[in-house]
Protein backbone atom coordinates (compact mmCIF):
# COMPACT_ATOMS: atom_id res chain seq x y z
CA UNK A 1 15.95 22.23 -27.00
CA UNK A 2 13.00 21.40 -25.16
CA UNK A 3 14.78 18.68 -24.12
CA UNK A 4 17.74 20.12 -22.76
CA UNK A 5 15.26 22.26 -20.31
CA UNK A 6 14.44 19.28 -19.18
CA UNK A 7 17.82 18.37 -18.57
CA UNK A 8 18.40 21.38 -16.90
CA UNK A 9 15.46 21.60 -14.89
CA UNK A 10 15.84 17.77 -13.74
CA UNK A 11 19.31 19.33 -12.60
CA UNK A 12 18.47 21.89 -10.56
CA UNK A 13 15.47 19.88 -8.80
CA UNK A 14 17.68 16.70 -8.12
CA UNK A 15 20.51 19.33 -6.89
CA UNK A 16 17.49 21.69 -4.33
CA UNK A 17 16.70 17.48 -3.07
CA UNK A 18 20.27 16.30 -2.61
CA UNK A 19 20.55 18.57 0.67
CA UNK A 20 17.51 16.99 2.37
CA UNK A 21 14.19 18.10 3.52
CA UNK A 22 13.17 21.44 4.41
CA UNK A 23 10.34 21.06 6.91
CA UNK A 24 8.22 23.82 6.94
CA UNK A 25 7.96 25.60 10.19
CA UNK A 26 3.89 25.59 9.41
CA UNK A 27 1.80 26.45 6.34
CA UNK A 28 -1.11 27.50 6.43
CA UNK A 29 -4.24 27.59 2.80
CA UNK A 30 -7.01 30.02 3.54
CA UNK A 31 -9.71 28.48 1.21
CA UNK A 32 -9.87 25.24 -0.54
CA UNK A 33 -6.73 22.79 -1.58
CA UNK A 34 -6.03 20.54 -4.51
CA UNK A 35 -3.63 18.46 -5.15
CA UNK A 36 -3.59 16.41 -8.45
CA UNK A 37 -0.38 14.56 -9.69
CA UNK A 38 -0.83 12.85 -13.09
CA UNK A 39 1.68 10.50 -13.94
CA UNK A 40 1.52 7.95 -17.53
CA UNK A 41 4.37 5.97 -18.32
CA UNK A 42 6.64 7.37 -16.16
CA UNK A 43 9.10 6.93 -12.65
CA UNK A 44 8.82 8.67 -9.66
CA UNK A 45 12.15 7.28 -8.30
CA UNK A 46 13.54 8.21 -4.54
CA UNK A 47 16.36 6.34 -2.89
CA UNK A 48 18.13 7.46 0.74
CA UNK A 49 21.15 5.97 0.43
CA UNK A 50 24.61 6.65 3.26
CA UNK A 51 24.31 6.86 7.17
CA UNK A 52 21.44 8.62 8.93
CA UNK A 53 19.48 9.84 5.68
CA UNK A 54 15.55 10.23 4.28
CA UNK A 55 13.83 9.70 1.25
CA UNK A 56 10.88 11.40 1.57
CA UNK A 57 8.75 11.42 -1.15
CA UNK A 58 5.42 13.07 -1.06
CA UNK A 59 2.66 13.04 -4.20
CA UNK A 60 -0.07 15.39 -3.72
CA UNK A 61 0.58 14.94 0.52
CA UNK A 62 0.27 17.37 2.98
CA UNK A 63 3.03 15.96 6.08
CA UNK A 64 3.91 18.80 9.35
CA UNK A 65 1.80 21.42 10.22
CA UNK A 66 -0.57 22.37 7.88
CA UNK A 67 -3.98 23.92 8.26
CA UNK A 68 -6.89 23.97 5.61
CA UNK A 69 -9.24 26.22 6.13
CA UNK A 70 -12.00 25.03 3.51
CA UNK A 71 -12.02 21.32 1.33
CA UNK A 72 -9.69 19.51 0.47
CA UNK A 73 -8.62 17.43 -2.88
CA UNK A 74 -5.73 14.86 -2.67
CA UNK A 75 -4.96 12.70 -5.51
CA UNK A 76 -3.02 10.64 -7.50
CA UNK A 77 -3.23 9.20 -10.60
CA UNK A 78 -1.18 6.66 -12.63
CA UNK A 79 -0.90 4.20 -15.85
CA UNK A 80 1.95 2.34 -16.91
CA UNK A 81 4.32 3.78 -14.05
CA UNK A 82 7.02 3.11 -11.29
CA UNK A 83 7.04 4.48 -8.16
CA UNK A 84 9.42 3.33 -6.00
CA UNK A 85 10.46 4.80 -2.30
CA UNK A 86 13.98 2.42 -0.44
CA UNK A 87 16.30 2.85 1.92
CA UNK A 88 19.45 1.13 2.76
CA UNK A 89 21.40 0.27 5.80
CA UNK A 90 20.83 3.44 8.00
CA UNK A 91 18.54 5.27 6.15
CA UNK A 92 14.98 6.22 6.44
CA UNK A 93 12.51 5.78 3.58
CA UNK A 94 8.89 7.81 3.98
CA UNK A 95 6.85 8.00 1.18
CA UNK A 96 2.73 9.50 0.78
CA UNK A 97 0.72 9.22 -1.52
CA UNK A 98 -2.69 11.32 -1.42
CA UNK A 99 -2.23 11.85 2.16
CA UNK A 100 -2.35 14.13 4.96
CA UNK A 101 0.64 13.43 7.75
CA UNK A 102 1.35 14.81 10.72
CA UNK A 103 -0.65 18.23 12.67
CA UNK A 104 -2.89 17.98 9.58
CA UNK A 105 -6.27 20.08 10.06
CA UNK A 106 -8.90 20.27 7.04
CA UNK A 107 -11.96 22.31 8.60
CA UNK A 108 -14.32 21.54 5.36
CA UNK A 109 -14.27 18.27 3.21
CA UNK A 110 -11.54 16.08 2.79
CA UNK A 111 -11.51 13.69 -0.49
CA UNK A 112 -8.47 11.62 -1.45
CA UNK A 113 -7.54 9.12 -3.74
CA UNK A 114 -4.90 6.99 -4.70
CA UNK A 115 -5.87 5.40 -8.52
CA UNK A 116 -2.56 3.44 -10.41
CA UNK A 117 -4.00 1.19 -13.34
CA UNK A 118 -0.74 -1.26 -14.76
CA UNK A 119 1.32 0.52 -11.96
CA UNK A 120 4.20 -0.23 -9.18
CA UNK A 121 4.37 1.35 -5.58
CA UNK A 122 6.71 -0.17 -3.64
CA UNK A 123 8.78 1.07 -0.21
CA UNK A 124 11.08 -0.69 0.80
CA UNK A 125 13.85 -1.18 3.72
CA UNK A 126 17.09 -2.86 2.90
CA UNK A 127 19.54 -4.23 5.88
CA UNK A 128 20.55 -3.48 9.33
CA UNK A 129 18.36 -0.59 10.67
CA UNK A 130 17.06 0.52 7.73
CA UNK A 131 13.07 1.65 7.74
CA UNK A 132 10.39 2.43 5.80
CA UNK A 133 6.81 4.09 5.63
CA UNK A 134 4.24 4.19 3.33
CA UNK A 135 0.17 6.01 3.51
CA UNK A 136 -1.32 6.00 0.32
CA UNK A 137 -4.66 7.72 0.62
CA UNK A 138 -4.78 8.48 4.43
CA UNK A 139 -4.59 10.29 7.36
CA UNK A 140 -1.33 9.48 10.06
CA UNK A 141 -0.84 11.57 12.06
CA UNK A 142 2.69 10.64 13.66
CA UNK A 143 5.11 12.61 12.04
CA UNK A 144 7.25 11.84 14.43
CA UNK A 145 7.03 8.71 13.71
CA UNK A 146 7.98 8.71 10.43
CA UNK A 147 11.35 10.04 10.38
CA UNK A 148 12.37 8.57 13.43
CA UNK A 149 14.13 4.73 13.89
CA UNK A 150 14.30 3.32 17.46
CA UNK A 151 17.66 2.36 17.99
CA UNK A 152 18.66 4.22 15.13
CA UNK A 153 22.35 6.53 15.72
CA UNK A 154 21.01 10.40 15.92
CA UNK A 155 19.85 11.78 12.60
CA UNK A 156 16.54 11.21 12.85
CA UNK A 157 15.25 11.80 16.40
CA UNK A 158 15.38 10.30 19.53
CA UNK A 159 12.59 7.90 21.05
């Protein structure tokens, strides 16, 4: 029964993600924020296929317009795990592990850590007009840069 519940939840999550990411206008956290993802002998895989598709993967990360009026703790810990994000021709892969991407403001202290043991993290782009951006325990203020590809046909934005 437990396996059926997990399978059903996986199907719902997959169907929800198939429609693509829907960015929030802004996120405000009044207080402290803790985001922790612990992986043990696990695979987290995200792939963009088809023209102008975007594979966006965020683990313990803030993306977009986020304000935290306290301290921020972001940790990804993996043991014996695989975290993969790939893009094929005419697609974009964006992967963020314990990172802040976009217009993120933290008024308190910020700790970002990605701890890997016997694990593999990959973000790859294969084919014409494919791009891959990866942030691990980092800050990247250019959110539009991660989802925009120069020379790419519509869908991801124009330069």
